Amino acid sequence: MPKKIFKKLSLLLIVFVFAFPALAWDDVGHKLSGYIAWQTMSPDVREKVIKILRSAPEDSDLGVLYPASSRSDAGKNLEFFMIATTWADIIRDRDFKVRYEKYHKSNWHYSDTFWAQENNQVKILEKPNEEGGKAVEKLFEFEKILKDANASNADKAVALAWILHLGGDIHQPLHTSARVTELEPKGDQGGNTFSLTPKETPRNQQVNLHWFWDSIVGRNVSRKNDACDADYLAPIGNQMMKKYPFAKTQNSLSIGKFDVWQQESFKVATTELFPSTLIRFQLPTENYKKNAYKIAEKQISLAGYRLGAMLNQIFGANQTTAQTPPCKIIRRVMYPVSKTNDGNQKLEIGLLNLCPANKGMVSRPMMGMMVNGKIEMFEYDVEKVFKTEKEAREYAAQNGISDISVN
């Protein structure tokens, strides 16, 4: 093929791939970071946050995302909180012109560092000609609004929704990275110009590296039988928290240090995302896919812990007395218990014993519990399963169990 024709085709490919929006994690990834943040937050902070989010300006359409259903308030609050993490993507819809023009800001979703690979080394380009996004800048700005006693709840609601989203965005490594190559002298726009499908692939079937990372959770854990978010996301989030427990990250949360969050994510991008085995116009190897999902699990968990801990710090009351979790609690968990989800497990309301006999001597599932403002992981046994929420609450009342949450 003549070089001129090849260059023209390459340019057309770049123009087409640029048309793909940079969404960071898709709704599944963002909702999972929200789910993990929710588990990290104290009950009083959850209540304050929901009140703020429901006070959003009417033209933002944020408040209308609150579920209108017969589910419990706890269930609806969690669902609303998770949906709120995706609001900044929902407002991309141009069909809602007023909302789109007022609230959508495309360059707030990323904070790129421009770099190049030279002699297998990462060279940071200090003065790129392109704008690198404002995610970190906006996170600092919105944090100030949340801390401002004079700010209205309406302003805080919009700020909070952006924080929940952007906090997730910058933990997607490609939302911190603009890799410069001969083919992409202005940067690869977070992998959007790095095609993973052959050159002759039809336009509607082309795949790029950014999309690969955005959609990584849904491609690794399928949503069976069109499961609702409560049934689909909770097991994934719980598994992530078990694999990457809060206790192992609490000393490196860097709460409010959004520049540090970005730098850590950028390091992941430069050291893990572009190995020599990743070849343009070819799908990633199985080893790359496996490692990518591990990275995504860790990044989503870390985003959730950081967001939850930050909201605890901003909205939580100072705890003057030490707290210890009760041994008996009631929660929805995957049951019957097994090491892996074999398809027969369902979310059931169970009486859990956090102080089982011979603790630590057998393999048990784990659950995160708030202790002294921090999430700690506890092994548990399922001692009883309830058919209905009413049955569970009656049992709790009769047996003095005060810690019950069945959302």
Protein backbone atom coordinates (compact mmCIF):
# COMPACT_ATOMS: atom_id res chain seq x y z
CA MET A 1 0.00 0.00 0.00
CA PRO A 2 1.47 3.44 -0.92
CA LYS A 3 2.59 5.45 2.08
CA LYS A 4 0.30 8.40 1.24
CA ILE A 5 -2.76 6.17 1.21
CA PHE A 6 -1.74 4.53 4.48
CA LYS A 7 -1.30 7.93 6.13
CA LYS A 8 -4.76 9.01 4.94
CA LEU A 9 -6.34 5.83 6.28
CA SER A 10 -4.55 6.26 9.59
CA LEU A 11 -5.81 9.81 9.84
CA LEU A 12 -9.37 8.66 9.11
CA LEU A 13 -9.05 6.04 11.84
CA ILE A 14 -7.87 8.64 14.32
CA VAL A 15 -10.72 10.99 13.44
CA PHE A 16 -13.24 8.19 13.87
CA VAL A 17 -11.88 6.99 17.19
CA PHE A 18 -11.87 10.56 18.48
CA ALA A 19 -15.63 10.46 18.04
CA PHE A 20 -15.92 7.96 20.89
CA PRO A 21 -16.65 9.72 24.20
CA ALA A 22 -14.18 9.21 27.02
CA LEU A 23 -16.47 7.84 29.70
CA ALA A 24 -13.91 6.42 32.14
CA TRP A 25 -15.55 3.51 33.93
CA ASP A 26 -18.96 2.79 32.46
CA ASP A 27 -22.01 2.89 34.73
CA VAL A 28 -21.07 -0.47 36.27
CA GLY A 29 -17.62 0.72 37.32
CA HIS A 30 -18.89 4.00 38.73
CA LYS A 31 -21.76 2.37 40.60
CA LEU A 32 -19.34 -0.14 42.14
CA SER A 33 -17.12 2.64 43.47
CA GLY A 34 -20.32 4.18 44.85
CA TYR A 35 -21.36 0.88 46.44
CA ILE A 36 -17.98 0.52 48.14
CA ALA A 37 -18.04 4.15 49.27
CA TRP A 38 -21.51 3.55 50.76
CA GLN A 39 -20.22 0.58 52.77
CA THR A 40 -17.41 2.81 54.06
CA MET A 41 -19.72 5.64 55.13
CA SER A 42 -21.30 5.84 58.58
CA PRO A 43 -25.12 5.79 58.83
CA ASP A 44 -25.38 9.47 59.77
CA VAL A 45 -23.15 10.48 56.86
CA ARG A 46 -25.28 8.43 54.47
CA GLU A 47 -28.35 10.28 55.69
CA LYS A 48 -26.74 13.69 55.24
CA VAL A 49 -25.44 12.84 51.77
CA ILE A 50 -28.82 11.62 50.54
CA LYS A 51 -30.49 14.76 51.86
CA ILE A 52 -27.99 16.90 49.97
CA LEU A 53 -28.31 14.97 46.71
CA ARG A 54 -32.11 15.22 46.84
CA SER A 55 -31.74 19.01 47.17
CA ALA A 56 -30.17 19.35 43.73
CA PRO A 57 -31.44 22.10 41.39
CA GLU A 58 -34.53 21.00 39.51
CA ASP A 59 -32.98 21.63 36.09
CA SER A 60 -30.11 19.24 36.90
CA ASP A 61 -32.50 16.26 36.96
CA LEU A 62 -30.32 14.80 39.72
CA GLY A 63 -33.07 14.64 42.34
CA VAL A 64 -35.48 12.86 40.00
CA LEU A 65 -33.10 9.90 39.91
CA TYR A 66 -34.31 8.94 43.39
CA PRO A 67 -36.23 5.66 42.94
CA ALA A 68 -40.00 5.79 43.18
CA SER A 69 -40.70 2.25 44.35
CA SER A 70 -42.05 0.22 47.24
CA ARG A 71 -38.57 -0.81 48.36
CA SER A 72 -37.26 0.17 51.78
CA ASP A 73 -35.75 3.62 52.28
CA ALA A 74 -32.38 2.00 52.88
CA GLY A 75 -32.58 0.18 49.55
CA LYS A 76 -33.69 3.28 47.67
CA ASN A 77 -30.99 5.42 49.28
CA LEU A 78 -28.24 3.05 48.22
CA GLU A 79 -29.64 2.79 44.70
CA PHE A 80 -29.90 6.58 44.43
CA PHE A 81 -26.36 7.06 45.70
CA MET A 82 -24.98 4.62 43.13
CA ILE A 83 -26.94 6.25 40.29
CA ALA A 84 -25.67 9.66 41.41
CA THR A 85 -22.13 8.52 40.61
CA THR A 86 -23.18 8.35 36.94
CA TRP A 87 -25.03 11.69 36.77
CA ALA A 88 -22.07 13.43 35.14
CA ASP A 89 -22.36 10.95 32.25
CA ILE A 90 -26.17 11.05 32.13
CA ILE A 91 -26.06 14.78 31.40
CA ARG A 92 -24.07 14.12 28.22
CA ASP A 93 -27.38 13.46 26.47
CA ARG A 94 -27.81 16.32 23.97
CA ASP A 95 -31.55 15.67 23.67
CA PHE A 96 -31.98 17.50 26.97
CA LYS A 97 -30.56 20.77 25.69
CA VAL A 98 -31.00 22.98 28.77
CA ARG A 99 -29.46 20.43 31.13
CA TYR A 100 -26.69 19.58 28.68
CA GLU A 101 -25.63 23.17 28.06
CA LYS A 102 -25.69 24.13 31.74
CA TYR A 103 -24.08 21.13 33.40
CA HIS A 104 -22.12 19.03 30.90
CA LYS A 105 -18.36 19.71 30.87
CA SER A 106 -16.42 17.23 28.76
CA ASN A 107 -12.93 18.30 29.87
CA TRP A 108 -13.71 17.82 33.55
CA HIS A 109 -13.68 14.02 33.26
CA TYR A 110 -9.94 13.53 32.95
CA SER A 111 -6.61 14.95 34.08
CA ASP A 112 -3.96 13.79 31.65
CA THR A 113 -0.23 13.80 32.04
CA PHE A 114 1.46 13.79 28.61
CA TRP A 115 4.28 11.33 28.21
CA ALA A 116 6.29 9.31 25.73
CA GLN A 117 8.27 6.09 25.79
CA GLU A 118 11.93 6.59 25.03
CA ASN A 119 14.37 3.70 25.32
CA ASN A 120 11.80 1.80 27.39
CA GLN A 121 11.64 4.69 29.84
CA VAL A 122 8.74 7.01 30.65
CA LYS A 123 9.47 10.59 29.66
CA ILE A 124 6.98 13.14 31.00
CA LEU A 125 6.39 16.04 28.63
CA GLU A 126 6.31 19.08 30.87
CA LYS A 127 4.86 21.60 28.39
CA PRO A 128 2.50 19.85 25.99
CA ASN A 129 0.60 21.89 23.43
CA GLU A 130 -2.68 20.23 24.32
CA GLU A 131 -4.97 20.84 27.31
CA GLY A 132 -4.92 17.92 29.72
CA GLY A 133 -8.30 18.13 31.43
CA LYS A 134 -9.52 19.60 34.70
CA ALA A 135 -10.57 16.64 36.86
CA VAL A 136 -8.09 17.29 39.67
CA GLU A 137 -8.67 21.04 39.62
CA LYS A 138 -12.44 20.53 39.84
CA LEU A 139 -12.18 17.97 42.64
CA PHE A 140 -10.37 20.51 44.81
CA GLU A 141 -12.94 23.14 43.88
CA PHE A 142 -15.95 20.95 44.66
CA GLU A 143 -14.44 19.76 47.94
CA LYS A 144 -14.33 23.39 49.10
CA ILE A 145 -18.04 23.74 48.30
CA LEU A 146 -18.88 20.66 50.39
CA LYS A 147 -16.91 22.10 53.31
CA ASP A 148 -18.40 25.59 52.99
CA ALA A 149 -20.98 26.15 55.73
CA ASN A 150 -22.48 29.00 53.70
CA ALA A 151 -22.97 26.99 50.51
CA SER A 152 -26.53 25.92 49.75
CA ASN A 153 -27.49 22.26 49.64
CA ALA A 154 -28.40 22.75 45.98
CA ASP A 155 -24.83 23.81 45.17
CA LYS A 156 -23.45 21.05 47.37
CA ALA A 157 -25.57 18.46 45.55
CA VAL A 158 -24.05 19.29 42.17
CA ALA A 159 -20.57 19.44 43.70
CA LEU A 160 -21.08 16.09 45.40
CA ALA A 161 -22.34 14.39 42.24
CA TRP A 162 -19.29 15.63 40.38
CA ILE A 163 -16.95 14.47 43.15
CA LEU A 164 -18.50 10.99 43.16
CA HIS A 165 -17.97 10.78 39.42
CA LEU A 166 -14.59 12.44 38.99
CA GLY A 167 -13.19 10.54 41.96
CA GLY A 168 -13.99 7.38 40.04
CA ASP A 169 -12.77 8.82 36.74
CA ILE A 170 -9.21 9.50 37.83
CA HIS A 171 -8.87 5.95 39.17
CA GLN A 172 -9.36 4.71 35.61
CA PRO A 173 -5.68 4.90 34.59
CA LEU A 174 -6.38 6.08 31.06
CA HIS A 175 -8.12 9.18 32.42
CA THR A 176 -4.75 10.38 33.66
CA SER A 177 -2.67 9.48 30.63
CA ALA A 178 -2.00 11.02 27.22
CA ARG A 179 0.63 8.90 25.48
CA VAL A 180 2.49 10.67 22.68
CA THR A 181 3.72 8.65 19.69
CA GLU A 182 4.61 9.32 16.07
CA LEU A 183 1.06 8.40 15.13
CA GLU A 184 -0.37 10.50 17.96
CA PRO A 185 1.83 13.61 18.31
CA LYS A 186 -0.90 15.33 20.33
CA GLY A 187 -1.45 12.35 22.62
CA ASP A 188 -3.65 9.28 22.36
CA GLN A 189 -6.55 10.84 24.30
CA GLY A 190 -6.43 8.21 27.00
CA GLY A 191 -6.14 5.28 24.60
CA ASN A 192 -9.05 6.40 22.42
CA THR A 193 -6.81 6.44 19.36
CA PHE A 194 -5.21 3.06 20.16
CA SER A 195 -7.28 0.63 18.09
CA LEU A 196 -7.52 -3.00 19.17
CA THR A 197 -9.22 -4.25 16.01
CA PRO A 198 -7.71 -4.81 12.56
CA LYS A 199 -7.61 -1.86 10.16
CA GLU A 200 -10.26 -3.36 7.91
CA THR A 201 -12.78 -3.80 10.77
CA PRO A 202 -16.19 -2.22 9.94
CA ARG A 203 -16.67 1.14 11.58
CA ASN A 204 -19.43 0.00 13.93
CA GLN A 205 -17.30 -2.90 15.20
CA GLN A 206 -14.08 -1.08 15.95
CA VAL A 207 -12.74 -1.23 19.50
CA ASN A 208 -10.14 0.97 21.18
CA LEU A 209 -8.08 0.64 24.34
CA HIS A 210 -10.08 3.21 26.26
CA TRP A 211 -13.33 1.34 25.68
CA PHE A 212 -11.61 -1.90 26.71
CA TRP A 213 -10.85 -0.42 30.13
CA ASP A 214 -14.16 1.42 30.53
CA SER A 215 -16.23 -1.73 30.07
CA ILE A 216 -13.92 -4.16 31.81
CA VAL A 217 -16.17 -5.19 34.72
CA GLY A 218 -19.22 -6.03 32.62
CA ARG A 219 -17.12 -8.08 30.23
CA ASN A 220 -15.62 -10.13 33.07
CA VAL A 221 -18.76 -10.54 35.18
CA SER A 222 -21.86 -10.78 33.04
CA ARG A 223 -25.25 -9.58 34.20
CA LYS A 224 -27.36 -12.75 34.13
CA ASN A 225 -31.09 -12.77 33.43
CA ASP A 226 -31.11 -8.97 33.22
CA ALA A 227 -30.49 -8.77 36.99
CA CYS A 228 -31.20 -5.48 38.72
CA ASP A 229 -28.29 -3.45 40.12
CA ALA A 230 -28.97 -4.59 43.71
CA ASP A 231 -28.55 -8.24 42.73
CA TYR A 232 -25.78 -7.72 40.19
CA LEU A 233 -23.51 -5.13 41.77
CA ALA A 234 -23.54 -6.08 45.46
CA PRO A 235 -21.81 -9.48 44.98
CA ILE A 236 -19.16 -7.90 42.74
CA GLY A 237 -18.56 -5.06 45.19
CA ASN A 238 -18.36 -7.43 48.14
CA GLN A 239 -15.88 -9.61 46.29
CA MET A 240 -13.72 -6.58 45.49
CA MET A 241 -13.75 -5.48 49.14
CA LYS A 242 -12.82 -8.99 50.23
CA LYS A 243 -9.95 -9.12 47.74
CA TYR A 244 -8.78 -5.59 48.55
CA PRO A 245 -9.93 -4.94 52.14
CA PHE A 246 -10.11 -1.46 53.60
CA ALA A 247 -7.65 -2.38 56.33
CA LYS A 248 -4.88 -2.77 53.75
CA THR A 249 -5.55 0.61 52.13
CA GLN A 250 -6.53 2.86 55.03
CA ASN A 251 -2.97 4.12 55.53
CA SER A 252 -2.64 5.19 51.90
CA LEU A 253 -6.02 6.83 51.27
CA SER A 254 -4.52 10.34 50.94
CA ILE A 255 -7.96 11.82 51.65
CA GLY A 256 -8.49 15.05 49.72
CA LYS A 257 -5.11 14.81 47.99
CA PHE A 258 -6.57 14.52 44.51
CA ASP A 259 -3.27 15.27 42.83
CA VAL A 260 -1.80 12.23 44.58
CA TRP A 261 -4.72 10.12 43.36
CA GLN A 262 -3.99 11.25 39.81
CA GLN A 263 -0.26 10.60 40.09
CA GLU A 264 -0.82 7.08 41.40
CA SER A 265 -3.25 6.30 38.61
CA PHE A 266 -0.86 7.73 36.02
CA LYS A 267 1.88 5.46 37.33
CA VAL A 268 -0.41 2.47 36.80
CA ALA A 269 -1.07 3.63 33.24
CA THR A 270 2.59 3.98 32.35
CA THR A 271 3.82 0.80 34.04
CA GLU A 272 0.97 -1.64 33.41
CA LEU A 273 -1.19 -0.60 30.46
CA PHE A 274 1.28 -0.53 27.58
CA PRO A 275 3.46 -3.66 27.77
CA SER A 276 5.30 -4.84 24.67
CA THR A 277 2.64 -7.52 24.22
CA LEU A 278 -0.03 -4.87 23.57
CA ILE A 279 0.01 -4.32 19.82
CA ARG A 280 -2.01 -1.81 17.87
CA PHE A 281 -4.79 -3.34 15.71
CA GLN A 282 -4.70 -6.56 17.75
CA LEU A 283 -6.90 -7.68 20.64
CA PRO A 284 -5.06 -7.95 23.99
CA THR A 285 -3.62 -11.28 25.09
CA GLU A 286 -5.37 -13.38 27.73
CA ASN A 287 -2.64 -12.47 30.24
CA TYR A 288 -3.23 -8.78 29.57
CA LYS A 289 -7.00 -9.20 30.05
CA LYS A 290 -6.50 -11.08 33.32
CA ASN A 291 -4.07 -8.53 34.72
CA ALA A 292 -6.27 -5.65 33.56
CA TYR A 293 -9.24 -6.90 35.53
CA LYS A 294 -7.11 -7.25 38.67
CA ILE A 295 -5.97 -3.66 38.25
CA ALA A 296 -9.55 -2.49 37.69
CA GLU A 297 -10.78 -4.28 40.82
CA LYS A 298 -8.10 -2.61 42.90
CA GLN A 299 -8.64 0.84 41.40
CA ILE A 300 -12.42 0.74 41.79
CA SER A 301 -12.08 -0.45 45.39
CA LEU A 302 -9.56 2.26 46.18
CA ALA A 303 -11.80 4.92 44.62
CA GLY A 304 -14.73 3.75 46.72
CA TYR A 305 -12.76 3.69 49.97
CA ARG A 306 -11.31 7.13 49.33
CA LEU A 307 -14.66 8.68 48.47
CA GLY A 308 -16.39 7.09 51.45
CA ALA A 309 -13.65 8.08 53.88
CA MET A 310 -13.62 11.62 52.51
CA LEU A 311 -17.38 12.00 53.01
CA ASN A 312 -17.04 10.61 56.54
CA GLN A 313 -14.41 13.23 57.22
CA ILE A 314 -16.46 16.10 55.77
CA PHE A 315 -19.92 15.20 57.11
CA GLY A 316 -19.26 12.87 60.04
CA ALA A 317 -19.52 13.78 63.69
CA ASN A 318 -16.43 13.33 65.85
CA GLN A 319 -16.64 10.00 67.64
CA THR A 320 -15.67 10.33 71.30
CA THR A 321 -16.27 6.77 72.37
CA ALA A 322 -14.87 3.60 70.95
CA GLN A 323 -17.26 1.36 69.07
CA THR A 324 -17.21 -2.38 68.53
CA PRO A 325 -19.45 -4.23 66.11
CA PRO A 326 -22.09 -6.58 67.50
CA CYS A 327 -21.61 -10.30 66.99
CA LYS A 328 -25.08 -10.81 65.52
CA ILE A 329 -26.26 -8.71 62.59
CA ILE A 330 -28.77 -9.14 59.77
CA ARG A 331 -27.73 -8.49 56.17
CA ARG A 332 -28.41 -9.62 52.61
CA VAL A 333 -25.65 -11.99 51.52
CA MET A 334 -25.04 -14.54 48.79
CA TYR A 335 -26.44 -17.86 49.99
CA PRO A 336 -25.80 -20.76 50.17
CA VAL A 337 -22.20 -19.86 50.95
CA SER A 338 -19.55 -21.19 48.59
CA LYS A 339 -16.10 -20.14 47.49
CA THR A 340 -17.33 -19.04 44.07
CA ASN A 341 -20.67 -17.92 42.64
CA ASP A 342 -21.91 -21.07 40.93
CA GLY A 343 -25.13 -19.54 39.65
CA ASN A 344 -27.28 -21.13 42.35
CA GLN A 345 -26.53 -18.49 44.95
CA LYS A 346 -28.99 -15.69 45.53
CA LEU A 347 -29.06 -12.68 47.80
CA GLU A 348 -30.84 -13.85 50.94
CA ILE A 349 -31.58 -12.11 54.22
CA GLY A 350 -29.41 -13.83 56.78
CA LEU A 351 -28.58 -13.74 60.47
CA LEU A 352 -24.80 -13.39 60.51
CA ASN A 353 -22.47 -14.25 63.35
CA LEU A 354 -19.38 -12.04 63.19
CA CYS A 355 -17.86 -13.93 66.14
CA PRO A 356 -17.94 -17.53 64.88
CA ALA A 357 -16.28 -20.36 66.76
CA ASN A 358 -12.68 -21.10 65.76
CA LYS A 359 -12.51 -17.81 63.91
CA GLY A 360 -9.74 -17.81 61.37
CA MET A 361 -9.34 -21.59 61.34
CA VAL A 362 -11.69 -22.21 58.42
CA SER A 363 -12.39 -20.44 55.15
CA ARG A 364 -15.36 -18.13 55.63
CA PRO A 365 -16.86 -15.22 53.68
CA MET A 366 -16.09 -11.73 54.97
CA MET A 367 -18.02 -8.51 55.46
CA GLY A 368 -16.91 -4.95 56.05
CA MET A 369 -18.16 -3.24 59.23
CA MET A 370 -17.67 0.33 60.42
CA VAL A 371 -15.55 0.40 63.60
CA ASN A 372 -14.33 3.71 65.03
CA GLY A 373 -14.95 5.43 61.73
CA LYS A 374 -13.07 2.82 59.70
CA ILE A 375 -14.11 -0.25 57.75
CA GLU A 376 -12.76 -3.53 59.11
CA MET A 377 -13.36 -6.93 57.56
CA PHE A 378 -14.96 -9.70 59.64
CA GLU A 379 -15.47 -13.36 58.87
CA TYR A 380 -18.98 -14.60 59.45
CA ASP A 381 -21.24 -17.64 59.60
CA VAL A 382 -24.83 -17.58 58.35
CA GLU A 383 -26.88 -18.91 61.27
CA LYS A 384 -30.36 -18.36 59.89
CA VAL A 385 -32.04 -17.34 56.63
CA PHE A 386 -35.27 -15.33 56.54
CA LYS A 387 -37.86 -15.54 53.81
CA THR A 388 -39.02 -11.95 54.13
CA GLU A 389 -37.83 -8.62 55.51
CA LYS A 390 -40.79 -8.66 57.92
CA GLU A 391 -39.72 -12.00 59.32
CA ALA A 392 -36.15 -10.71 59.77
CA ARG A 393 -37.26 -7.57 61.58
CA GLU A 394 -39.59 -9.48 63.87
CA TYR A 395 -36.74 -11.86 64.76
CA ALA A 396 -34.44 -8.90 65.39
CA ALA A 397 -36.97 -7.25 67.70
CA GLN A 398 -37.54 -10.47 69.65
CA ASN A 399 -33.83 -11.22 70.04
CA GLY A 400 -32.42 -7.77 70.73
CA ILE A 401 -30.60 -7.41 67.41
CA SER A 402 -30.31 -3.71 66.58
CA ASP A 403 -27.98 -3.84 63.59
CA ILE A 404 -30.20 -4.80 60.66
CA SER A 405 -29.82 -3.61 57.08
CA VAL A 406 -31.48 -5.49 54.25
CA ASN A 407 -31.08 -3.06 51.33
